[in-house]
Amino acid sequence: FNYIFSARFTFKKKTSVKNGFGFGAAHLFNYLLQITLLHVFLWLGV
């Protein structure tokens, strides 16, 4: 959902292999950050 709407609505760009790959790489980093933080917050007792 985020890729399609970020490309077309947020940044007014067409979806492409290049920006799809870049978006995927950015989100891989983001996912790893999020899953690590989730682990930390659960460990802290949240």
All heavy atoms as atom14 arrays in JSON, in Angstrom:
{
  "sequence": "FNYIFSARFTFKKKTSVKNGFGFGAAHLFNYLLQITLLHVFLWLGV",
  "atom14_mask": [
    [1, 1, 1, 1, 1, 1, 1, 1, 1, 1, 1, 0, 0, 0],
    [1, 1, 1, 1, 1, 1, 1, 1, 0, 0, 0, 0, 0, 0],
    [1, 1, 1, 1, 1, 1, 1, 1, 1, 1, 1, 1, 0, 0],
    [1, 1, 1, 1, 1, 1, 1, 1, 0, 0, 0, 0, 0, 0],
    [1, 1, 1, 1, 1, 1, 1, 1, 1, 1, 1, 0, 0, 0],
    [1, 1, 1, 1, 1, 1, 0, 0, 0, 0, 0, 0, 0, 0],
    [1, 1, 1, 1, 1, 0, 0, 0, 0, 0, 0, 0, 0, 0],
    [1, 1, 1, 1, 1, 1, 1, 1, 1, 1, 1, 0, 0, 0],
    [1, 1, 1, 1, 1, 1, 1, 1, 1, 1, 1, 0, 0, 0],
    [1, 1, 1, 1, 1, 1, 1, 0, 0, 0, 0, 0, 0, 0],
    [1, 1, 1, 1, 1, 1, 1, 1, 1, 1, 1, 0, 0, 0],
    [1, 1, 1, 1, 1, 1, 1, 1, 1, 0, 0, 0, 0, 0],
    [1, 1, 1, 1, 1, 1, 1, 1, 1, 0, 0, 0, 0, 0],
    [1, 1, 1, 1, 1, 1, 1, 1, 1, 0, 0, 0, 0, 0],
    [1, 1, 1, 1, 1, 1, 1, 0, 0, 0, 0, 0, 0, 0],
    [1, 1, 1, 1, 1, 1, 0, 0, 0, 0, 0, 0, 0, 0],
    [1, 1, 1, 1, 1, 1, 1, 0, 0, 0, 0, 0, 0, 0],
    [1, 1, 1, 1, 1, 1, 1, 1, 1, 0, 0, 0, 0, 0],
    [1, 1, 1, 1, 1, 1, 1, 1, 0, 0, 0, 0, 0, 0],
    [1, 1, 1, 1, 0, 0, 0, 0, 0, 0, 0, 0, 0, 0],
    [1, 1, 1, 1, 1, 1, 1, 1, 1, 1, 1, 0, 0, 0],
    [1, 1, 1, 1, 0, 0, 0, 0, 0, 0, 0, 0, 0, 0],
    [1, 1, 1, 1, 1, 1, 1, 1, 1, 1, 1, 0, 0, 0],
    [1, 1, 1, 1, 0, 0, 0, 0, 0, 0, 0, 0, 0, 0],
    [1, 1, 1, 1, 1, 0, 0, 0, 0, 0, 0, 0, 0, 0],
    [1, 1, 1, 1, 1, 0, 0, 0, 0, 0, 0, 0, 0, 0],
    [1, 1, 1, 1, 1, 1, 1, 1, 1, 1, 0, 0, 0, 0],
    [1, 1, 1, 1, 1, 1, 1, 1, 0, 0, 0, 0, 0, 0],
    [1, 1, 1, 1, 1, 1, 1, 1, 1, 1, 1, 0, 0, 0],
    [1, 1, 1, 1, 1, 1, 1, 1, 0, 0, 0, 0, 0, 0],
    [1, 1, 1, 1, 1, 1, 1, 1, 1, 1, 1, 1, 0, 0],
    [1, 1, 1, 1, 1, 1, 1, 1, 0, 0, 0, 0, 0, 0],
    [1, 1, 1, 1, 1, 1, 1, 1, 0, 0, 0, 0, 0, 0],
    [1, 1, 1, 1, 1, 1, 1, 1, 1, 0, 0, 0, 0, 0],
    [1, 1, 1, 1, 1, 1, 1, 1, 0, 0, 0, 0, 0, 0],
    [1, 1, 1, 1, 1, 1, 1, 0, 0, 0, 0, 0, 0, 0],
    [1, 1, 1, 1, 1, 1, 1, 1, 0, 0, 0, 0, 0, 0],
    [1, 1, 1, 1, 1, 1, 1, 1, 0, 0, 0, 0, 0, 0],
    [1, 1, 1, 1, 1, 1, 1, 1, 1, 1, 0, 0, 0, 0],
    [1, 1, 1, 1, 1, 1, 1, 0, 0, 0, 0, 0, 0, 0],
    [1, 1, 1, 1, 1, 1, 1, 1, 1, 1, 1, 0, 0, 0],
    [1, 1, 1, 1, 1, 1, 1, 1, 0, 0, 0, 0, 0, 0],
    [1, 1, 1, 1, 1, 1, 1, 1, 1, 1, 1, 1, 1, 1],
    [1, 1, 1, 1, 1, 1, 1, 1, 0, 0, 0, 0, 0, 0],
    [1, 1, 1, 1, 0, 0, 0, 0, 0, 0, 0, 0, 0, 0],
    [1, 1, 1, 1, 1, 1, 1, 0, 0, 0, 0, 0, 0, 0]
  ],
  "atom14_positions": [
    [[0.84, -1.2, 0.0], [0.0, 0.0, 0.0], [0.88, 1.26, 0.0], [0.67, 2.18, -0.79], [-0.91, -0.01, 1.23], [-1.6, 1.3, 1.49], [-2.8, 1.6, 0.88], [-1.04, 2.24, 2.35], [-3.43, 2.82, 1.11], [-1.66, 3.45, 2.59], [-2.85, 3.74, 1.96], [0.0, 0.0, 0.0], [0.0, 0.0, 0.0], [0.0, 0.0, 0.0]],
    [[1.86, 1.26, 0.89], [2.73, 2.42, 1.08], [3.52, 2.75, -0.19], [3.65, 3.91, -0.55], [3.67, 2.16, 2.26], [4.29, 3.4, 2.82], [4.21, 4.47, 2.24], [4.9, 3.26, 3.96], [0.0, 0.0, 0.0], [0.0, 0.0, 0.0], [0.0, 0.0, 0.0], [0.0, 0.0, 0.0], [0.0, 0.0, 0.0], [0.0, 0.0, 0.0]],
    [[4.04, 1.74, -0.87], [4.83, 2.0, -2.08], [3.97, 2.66, -3.16], [4.35, 3.68, -3.73], [5.45, 0.7, -2.62], [6.11, 0.91, -3.97], [7.17, 1.8, -4.11], [5.65, 0.26, -5.1], [7.76, 2.02, -5.34], [6.23, 0.46, -6.32], [7.28, 1.34, -6.45], [7.87, 1.57, -7.67], [0.0, 0.0, 0.0], [0.0, 0.0, 0.0]],
    [[2.83, 2.09, -3.42], [1.97, 2.62, -4.49], [1.54, 4.06, -4.17], [1.65, 4.95, -5.01], [0.74, 1.71, -4.69], [1.2, 0.36, -5.26], [-0.29, 2.36, -5.6], [0.16, -0.73, -5.22], [0.0, 0.0, 0.0], [0.0, 0.0, 0.0], [0.0, 0.0, 0.0], [0.0, 0.0, 0.0], [0.0, 0.0, 0.0], [0.0, 0.0, 0.0]],
    [[1.1, 4.31, -2.94], [0.62, 5.64, -2.6], [1.76, 6.64, -2.38], [1.59, 7.83, -2.66], [-0.33, 5.58, -1.4], [-1.69, 5.12, -1.79], [-1.98, 3.76, -1.85], [-2.67, 6.02, -2.15], [-3.23, 3.32, -2.25], [-3.93, 5.59, -2.54], [-4.21, 4.23, -2.59], [0.0, 0.0, 0.0], [0.0, 0.0, 0.0], [0.0, 0.0, 0.0]],
    [[2.91, 6.18, -1.91], [4.06, 7.08, -1.77], [4.52, 7.56, -3.14], [4.79, 8.74, -3.35], [5.22, 6.4, -1.05], [4.94, 6.23, 0.31], [0.0, 0.0, 0.0], [0.0, 0.0, 0.0], [0.0, 0.0, 0.0], [0.0, 0.0, 0.0], [0.0, 0.0, 0.0], [0.0, 0.0, 0.0], [0.0, 0.0, 0.0], [0.0, 0.0, 0.0]],
    [[4.61, 6.63, -4.08], [5.05, 7.0, -5.43], [4.06, 7.96, -6.08], [4.42, 9.06, -6.5], [5.22, 5.75, -6.29], [0.0, 0.0, 0.0], [0.0, 0.0, 0.0], [0.0, 0.0, 0.0], [0.0, 0.0, 0.0], [0.0, 0.0, 0.0], [0.0, 0.0, 0.0], [0.0, 0.0, 0.0], [0.0, 0.0, 0.0], [0.0, 0.0, 0.0]],
    [[2.83, 7.55, -6.14], [1.84, 8.3, -6.93], [1.29, 9.54, -6.24], [1.1, 10.57, -6.88], [0.71, 7.37, -7.33], [1.2, 6.28, -8.26], [0.13, 5.36, -8.71], [0.7, 4.32, -9.55], [0.02, 3.29, -9.99], [-1.24, 3.17, -9.68], [0.6, 2.39, -10.73], [0.0, 0.0, 0.0], [0.0, 0.0, 0.0], [0.0, 0.0, 0.0]],
    [[1.04, 9.45, -4.95], [0.41, 10.57, -4.24], [1.44, 11.47, -3.56], [1.42, 12.68, -3.74], [-0.59, 10.02, -3.21], [-1.23, 11.07, -2.36], [-2.14, 11.97, -2.9], [-0.93, 11.18, -1.01], [-2.74, 12.95, -2.11], [-1.53, 12.14, -0.22], [-2.43, 13.03, -0.78], [0.0, 0.0, 0.0], [0.0, 0.0, 0.0], [0.0, 0.0, 0.0]],
    [[2.34, 10.89, -2.79], [3.27, 11.71, -2.01], [4.3, 12.41, -2.89], [4.48, 13.62, -2.8], [4.01, 10.85, -0.95], [3.05, 10.23, -0.11], [4.95, 11.7, -0.12], [0.0, 0.0, 0.0], [0.0, 0.0, 0.0], [0.0, 0.0, 0.0], [0.0, 0.0, 0.0], [0.0, 0.0, 0.0], [0.0, 0.0, 0.0], [0.0, 0.0, 0.0]],
    [[4.99, 11.63, -3.74], [6.09, 12.19, -4.51], [5.76, 12.43, -5.97], [6.59, 12.9, -6.73], [7.33, 11.29, -4.37], [7.79, 11.21, -2.94], [7.55, 10.07, -2.18], [8.43, 12.28, -2.34], [7.96, 9.99, -0.85], [8.84, 12.22, -1.01], [8.6, 11.07, -0.27], [0.0, 0.0, 0.0], [0.0, 0.0, 0.0], [0.0, 0.0, 0.0]],
    [[4.52, 12.09, -6.37], [4.01, 12.33, -7.72], [4.93, 11.74, -8.79], [5.28, 12.4, -9.77], [3.81, 13.83, -7.94], [3.01, 14.5, -6.84], [1.82, 15.18, -7.37], [1.12, 15.9, -6.26], [-0.18, 15.47, -6.03], [0.0, 0.0, 0.0], [0.0, 0.0, 0.0], [0.0, 0.0, 0.0], [0.0, 0.0, 0.0], [0.0, 0.0, 0.0]],
    [[5.33, 10.5, -8.58], [6.21, 9.78, -9.51], [5.5, 8.51, -9.97], [4.61, 7.99, -9.29], [7.53, 9.37, -8.83], [8.28, 10.49, -8.17], [8.98, 11.34, -9.17], [9.79, 12.41, -8.44], [10.4, 13.34, -9.28], [0.0, 0.0, 0.0], [0.0, 0.0, 0.0], [0.0, 0.0, 0.0], [0.0, 0.0, 0.0], [0.0, 0.0, 0.0]],
    [[5.94, 8.01, -11.11], [5.45, 6.71, -11.56], [6.23, 5.64, -10.82], [7.39, 5.83, -10.47], [5.66, 6.55, -13.06], [4.79, 7.44, -13.9], [4.99, 7.19, -15.37], [4.09, 8.09, -16.18], [4.26, 7.86, -17.62], [0.0, 0.0, 0.0], [0.0, 0.0, 0.0], [0.0, 0.0, 0.0], [0.0, 0.0, 0.0], [0.0, 0.0, 0.0]],
    [[5.57, 4.52, -10.61], [6.29, 3.39, -10.02], [7.23, 2.84, -11.09], [6.91, 2.83, -12.27], [5.32, 2.3, -9.54], [4.49, 1.9, -10.62], [4.47, 2.79, -8.38], [0.0, 0.0, 0.0], [0.0, 0.0, 0.0], [0.0, 0.0, 0.0], [0.0, 0.0, 0.0], [0.0, 0.0, 0.0], [0.0, 0.0, 0.0], [0.0, 0.0, 0.0]],
    [[8.42, 2.43, -10.66], [9.4, 1.87, -11.59], [10.24, 0.84, -10.86], [10.21, 0.75, -9.63], [10.31, 2.98, -12.15], [11.19, 3.45, -11.14], [0.0, 0.0, 0.0], [0.0, 0.0, 0.0], [0.0, 0.0, 0.0], [0.0, 0.0, 0.0], [0.0, 0.0, 0.0], [0.0, 0.0, 0.0], [0.0, 0.0, 0.0], [0.0, 0.0, 0.0]],
    [[10.99, 0.08, -11.62], [11.88, -0.9, -11.02], [12.91, -0.2, -10.15], [13.19, -0.63, -9.03], [12.56, -1.76, -12.11], [13.62, -2.66, -11.51], [11.53, -2.58, -12.86], [0.0, 0.0, 0.0], [0.0, 0.0, 0.0], [0.0, 0.0, 0.0], [0.0, 0.0, 0.0], [0.0, 0.0, 0.0], [0.0, 0.0, 0.0], [0.0, 0.0, 0.0]],
    [[13.45, 0.93, -10.63], [14.48, 1.65, -9.87], [13.95, 2.17, -8.54], [14.54, 1.94, -7.5], [15.06, 2.82, -10.69], [16.03, 2.41, -11.73], [16.6, 3.65, -12.4], [17.57, 3.29, -13.47], [18.11, 4.48, -14.15], [0.0, 0.0, 0.0], [0.0, 0.0, 0.0], [0.0, 0.0, 0.0], [0.0, 0.0, 0.0], [0.0, 0.0, 0.0]],
    [[12.84, 2.93, -8.6], [12.37, 3.47, -7.32], [11.73, 2.38, -6.47], [11.73, 2.46, -5.25], [11.48, 4.71, -7.48], [10.17, 4.47, -8.19], [9.57, 3.42, -8.13], [9.71, 5.5, -8.9], [0.0, 0.0, 0.0], [0.0, 0.0, 0.0], [0.0, 0.0, 0.0], [0.0, 0.0, 0.0], [0.0, 0.0, 0.0], [0.0, 0.0, 0.0]],
    [[11.23, 1.32, -7.09], [10.72, 0.18, -6.32], [11.83, -0.52, -5.56], [11.68, -0.87, -4.39], [0.0, 0.0, 0.0], [0.0, 0.0, 0.0], [0.0, 0.0, 0.0], [0.0, 0.0, 0.0], [0.0, 0.0, 0.0], [0.0, 0.0, 0.0], [0.0, 0.0, 0.0], [0.0, 0.0, 0.0], [0.0, 0.0, 0.0], [0.0, 0.0, 0.0]],
    [[12.97, -0.69, -6.22], [14.12, -1.31, -5.56], [14.62, -0.41, -4.43], [14.89, -0.88, -3.32], [15.24, -1.57, -6.57], [16.44, -2.24, -5.96], [16.42, -3.59, -5.64], [17.59, -1.5, -5.69], [17.52, -4.2, -5.06], [18.69, -2.1, -5.11], [18.66, -3.46, -4.79], [0.0, 0.0, 0.0], [0.0, 0.0, 0.0], [0.0, 0.0, 0.0]],
    [[14.74, 0.88, -4.71], [15.18, 1.83, -3.68], [14.21, 1.9, -2.51], [14.61, 1.93, -1.35], [0.0, 0.0, 0.0], [0.0, 0.0, 0.0], [0.0, 0.0, 0.0], [0.0, 0.0, 0.0], [0.0, 0.0, 0.0], [0.0, 0.0, 0.0], [0.0, 0.0, 0.0], [0.0, 0.0, 0.0], [0.0, 0.0, 0.0], [0.0, 0.0, 0.0]],
    [[12.92, 1.92, -2.83], [11.89, 1.93, -1.78], [11.99, 0.66, -0.95], [11.91, 0.7, 0.28], [10.5, 2.05, -2.43], [9.39, 2.3, -1.47], [9.08, 3.58, -1.05], [8.6, 1.25, -1.0], [8.03, 3.83, -0.17], [7.55, 1.48, -0.13], [7.26, 2.77, 0.29], [0.0, 0.0, 0.0], [0.0, 0.0, 0.0], [0.0, 0.0, 0.0]],
    [[12.17, -0.47, -1.63], [12.31, -1.75, -0.92], [13.53, -1.76, -0.01], [13.46, -2.23, 1.12], [0.0, 0.0, 0.0], [0.0, 0.0, 0.0], [0.0, 0.0, 0.0], [0.0, 0.0, 0.0], [0.0, 0.0, 0.0], [0.0, 0.0, 0.0], [0.0, 0.0, 0.0], [0.0, 0.0, 0.0], [0.0, 0.0, 0.0], [0.0, 0.0, 0.0]],
    [[14.65, -1.22, -0.5], [15.86, -1.16, 0.32], [15.67, -0.25, 1.53], [16.08, -0.59, 2.64], [17.04, -0.67, -0.53], [0.0, 0.0, 0.0], [0.0, 0.0, 0.0], [0.0, 0.0, 0.0], [0.0, 0.0, 0.0], [0.0, 0.0, 0.0], [0.0, 0.0, 0.0], [0.0, 0.0, 0.0], [0.0, 0.0, 0.0], [0.0, 0.0, 0.0]],
    [[15.03, 0.89, 1.3], [14.75, 1.8, 2.42], [13.84, 1.12, 3.44], [14.05, 1.24, 4.65], [14.1, 3.09, 1.91], [0.0, 0.0, 0.0], [0.0, 0.0, 0.0], [0.0, 0.0, 0.0], [0.0, 0.0, 0.0], [0.0, 0.0, 0.0], [0.0, 0.0, 0.0], [0.0, 0.0, 0.0], [0.0, 0.0, 0.0], [0.0, 0.0, 0.0]],
    [[12.87, 0.38, 2.94], [11.94, -0.3, 3.86], [12.55, -1.53, 4.5], [12.12, -1.92, 5.6], [10.62, -0.59, 3.17], [9.67, 0.54, 3.29], [8.8, 0.68, 4.34], [9.51, 1.65, 2.53], [8.11, 1.8, 4.21], [8.54, 2.4, 3.13], [0.0, 0.0, 0.0], [0.0, 0.0, 0.0], [0.0, 0.0, 0.0], [0.0, 0.0, 0.0]],
    [[13.52, -2.15, 3.86], [14.23, -3.24, 4.52], [14.94, -2.69, 5.75], [14.85, -3.26, 6.85], [15.23, -3.91, 3.58], [16.09, -5.01, 4.21], [15.22, -6.14, 4.76], [17.09, -5.53, 3.2], [0.0, 0.0, 0.0], [0.0, 0.0, 0.0], [0.0, 0.0, 0.0], [0.0, 0.0, 0.0], [0.0, 0.0, 0.0], [0.0, 0.0, 0.0]],
    [[15.64, -1.57, 5.57], [16.28, -0.92, 6.72], [15.24, -0.55, 7.76], [15.42, -0.78, 8.96], [17.05, 0.33, 6.26], [17.62, 1.11, 7.41], [18.82, 0.74, 8.0], [16.95, 2.21, 7.94], [19.34, 1.44, 9.07], [17.45, 2.91, 9.01], [18.66, 2.53, 9.58], [0.0, 0.0, 0.0], [0.0, 0.0, 0.0], [0.0, 0.0, 0.0]],
    [[14.12, 0.04, 7.31], [13.05, 0.46, 8.22], [12.47, -0.75, 8.96], [12.23, -0.68, 10.17], [11.96, 1.19, 7.43], [10.92, 1.8, 8.33], [11.23, 2.48, 9.3], [9.67, 1.55, 8.0], [0.0, 0.0, 0.0], [0.0, 0.0, 0.0], [0.0, 0.0, 0.0], [0.0, 0.0, 0.0], [0.0, 0.0, 0.0], [0.0, 0.0, 0.0]],
    [[12.24, -1.85, 8.25], [11.7, -3.06, 8.89], [12.67, -3.57, 9.96], [12.25, -3.91, 11.07], [11.43, -4.16, 7.86], [11.11, -5.47, 8.53], [9.86, -5.7, 9.09], [12.07, -6.48, 8.63], [9.57, -6.88, 9.74], [11.8, -7.67, 9.28], [10.55, -7.87, 9.82], [10.27, -9.04, 10.48], [0.0, 0.0, 0.0], [0.0, 0.0, 0.0]],
    [[13.95, -3.64, 9.63], [14.94, -4.12, 10.6], [14.99, -3.21, 11.82], [15.1, -3.69, 12.95], [16.32, -4.24, 9.94], [16.42, -5.33, 8.86], [17.76, -5.25, 8.15], [16.16, -6.71, 9.43], [0.0, 0.0, 0.0], [0.0, 0.0, 0.0], [0.0, 0.0, 0.0], [0.0, 0.0, 0.0], [0.0, 0.0, 0.0], [0.0, 0.0, 0.0]],
    [[14.9, -1.9, 11.59], [14.85, -0.95, 12.7], [13.6, -1.21, 13.55], [13.67, -1.29, 14.78], [14.86, 0.49, 12.18], [14.71, 1.6, 13.21], [15.88, 1.6, 14.19], [14.59, 2.95, 12.5], [0.0, 0.0, 0.0], [0.0, 0.0, 0.0], [0.0, 0.0, 0.0], [0.0, 0.0, 0.0], [0.0, 0.0, 0.0], [0.0, 0.0, 0.0]],
    [[12.46, -1.36, 12.89], [11.2, -1.56, 13.62], [11.18, -2.87, 14.39], [10.75, -2.9, 15.55], [10.01, -1.5, 12.66], [9.69, -0.09, 12.21], [8.36, 0.0, 11.51], [7.46, -0.82, 11.72], [8.19, 1.0, 10.67], [0.0, 0.0, 0.0], [0.0, 0.0, 0.0], [0.0, 0.0, 0.0], [0.0, 0.0, 0.0], [0.0, 0.0, 0.0]],
    [[11.61, -3.97, 13.78], [11.55, -5.26, 14.47], [12.53, -5.28, 15.64], [12.24, -5.85, 16.69], [11.77, -6.44, 13.49], [11.18, -7.74, 14.06], [13.2, -6.64, 13.12], [9.71, -7.84, 14.07], [0.0, 0.0, 0.0], [0.0, 0.0, 0.0], [0.0, 0.0, 0.0], [0.0, 0.0, 0.0], [0.0, 0.0, 0.0], [0.0, 0.0, 0.0]],
    [[13.67, -4.6, 15.49], [14.63, -4.49, 16.6], [14.03, -3.67, 17.73], [14.1, -4.07, 18.9], [15.95, -3.85, 16.11], [16.5, -4.69, 15.09], [16.95, -3.7, 17.25], [0.0, 0.0, 0.0], [0.0, 0.0, 0.0], [0.0, 0.0, 0.0], [0.0, 0.0, 0.0], [0.0, 0.0, 0.0], [0.0, 0.0, 0.0], [0.0, 0.0, 0.0]],
    [[13.44, -2.53, 17.39], [12.81, -1.7, 18.42], [11.63, -2.42, 19.08], [11.45, -2.31, 20.3], [12.35, -0.37, 17.82], [13.45, 0.6, 17.41], [12.87, 1.76, 16.6], [14.2, 1.1, 18.62], [0.0, 0.0, 0.0], [0.0, 0.0, 0.0], [0.0, 0.0, 0.0], [0.0, 0.0, 0.0], [0.0, 0.0, 0.0], [0.0, 0.0, 0.0]],
    [[10.85, -3.16, 18.31], [9.75, -3.93, 18.88], [10.29, -4.92, 19.91], [9.77, -5.02, 21.02], [8.98, -4.69, 17.8], [7.82, -5.55, 18.29], [6.7, -4.68, 18.85], [7.3, -6.45, 17.18], [0.0, 0.0, 0.0], [0.0, 0.0, 0.0], [0.0, 0.0, 0.0], [0.0, 0.0, 0.0], [0.0, 0.0, 0.0], [0.0, 0.0, 0.0]],
    [[11.36, -5.6, 19.54], [12.01, -6.54, 20.45], [12.45, -5.83, 21.74], [12.23, -6.34, 22.85], [13.24, -7.15, 19.75], [13.39, -8.59, 19.94], [13.65, -9.18, 21.14], [13.33, -9.6, 19.04], [13.76, -10.47, 20.98], [13.57, -10.76, 19.71], [0.0, 0.0, 0.0], [0.0, 0.0, 0.0], [0.0, 0.0, 0.0], [0.0, 0.0, 0.0]],
    [[13.06, -4.67, 21.6], [13.54, -3.9, 22.76], [12.37, -3.49, 23.65], [12.41, -3.67, 24.87], [14.36, -2.67, 22.31], [14.63, -1.73, 23.47], [15.67, -3.12, 21.66], [0.0, 0.0, 0.0], [0.0, 0.0, 0.0], [0.0, 0.0, 0.0], [0.0, 0.0, 0.0], [0.0, 0.0, 0.0], [0.0, 0.0, 0.0], [0.0, 0.0, 0.0]],
    [[11.32, -2.95, 23.06], [10.19, -2.49, 23.87], [9.47, -3.65, 24.56], [9.04, -3.52, 25.71], [9.22, -1.63, 23.05], [9.76, -0.26, 22.77], [10.07, 0.13, 21.48], [9.98, 0.64, 23.8], [10.58, 1.4, 21.22], [10.5, 1.91, 23.55], [10.8, 2.29, 22.26], [0.0, 0.0, 0.0], [0.0, 0.0, 0.0], [0.0, 0.0, 0.0]],
    [[9.35, -4.78, 23.87], [8.76, -5.96, 24.52], [9.65, -6.43, 25.67], [9.17, -6.78, 26.74], [8.54, -7.08, 23.51], [7.42, -6.85, 22.49], [7.47, -7.92, 21.41], [6.06, -6.78, 23.14], [0.0, 0.0, 0.0], [0.0, 0.0, 0.0], [0.0, 0.0, 0.0], [0.0, 0.0, 0.0], [0.0, 0.0, 0.0], [0.0, 0.0, 0.0]],
    [[10.96, -6.43, 25.46], [11.92, -6.83, 26.48], [11.85, -5.89, 27.7], [11.98, -6.32, 28.83], [13.34, -6.83, 25.9], [14.4, -7.21, 26.87], [14.72, -8.46, 27.31], [15.3, -6.32, 27.53], [15.76, -8.41, 28.2], [16.14, -7.09, 28.36], [15.48, -4.93, 27.5], [17.13, -6.53, 29.15], [16.48, -4.39, 28.28], [17.28, -5.17, 29.09]],
    [[11.59, -4.6, 27.43], [11.46, -3.63, 28.52], [10.13, -3.75, 29.27], [9.93, -3.08, 30.27], [11.61, -2.2, 27.98], [13.01, -1.81, 27.51], [12.98, -0.45, 26.82], [13.98, -1.8, 28.69], [0.0, 0.0, 0.0], [0.0, 0.0, 0.0], [0.0, 0.0, 0.0], [0.0, 0.0, 0.0], [0.0, 0.0, 0.0], [0.0, 0.0, 0.0]],
    [[9.25, -4.61, 28.77], [8.0, -4.85, 29.47], [6.79, -4.09, 28.94], [5.72, -4.12, 29.54], [0.0, 0.0, 0.0], [0.0, 0.0, 0.0], [0.0, 0.0, 0.0], [0.0, 0.0, 0.0], [0.0, 0.0, 0.0], [0.0, 0.0, 0.0], [0.0, 0.0, 0.0], [0.0, 0.0, 0.0], [0.0, 0.0, 0.0], [0.0, 0.0, 0.0]],
    [[6.95, -3.43, 27.81], [5.8, -2.74, 27.2], [4.84, -3.82, 26.7], [5.26, -4.83, 26.12], [6.26, -1.83, 26.05], [5.08, -1.16, 25.37], [7.26, -0.79, 26.55], [0.0, 0.0, 0.0], [0.0, 0.0, 0.0], [0.0, 0.0, 0.0], [0.0, 0.0, 0.0], [0.0, 0.0, 0.0], [0.0, 0.0, 0.0], [0.0, 0.0, 0.0]]
  ]
}
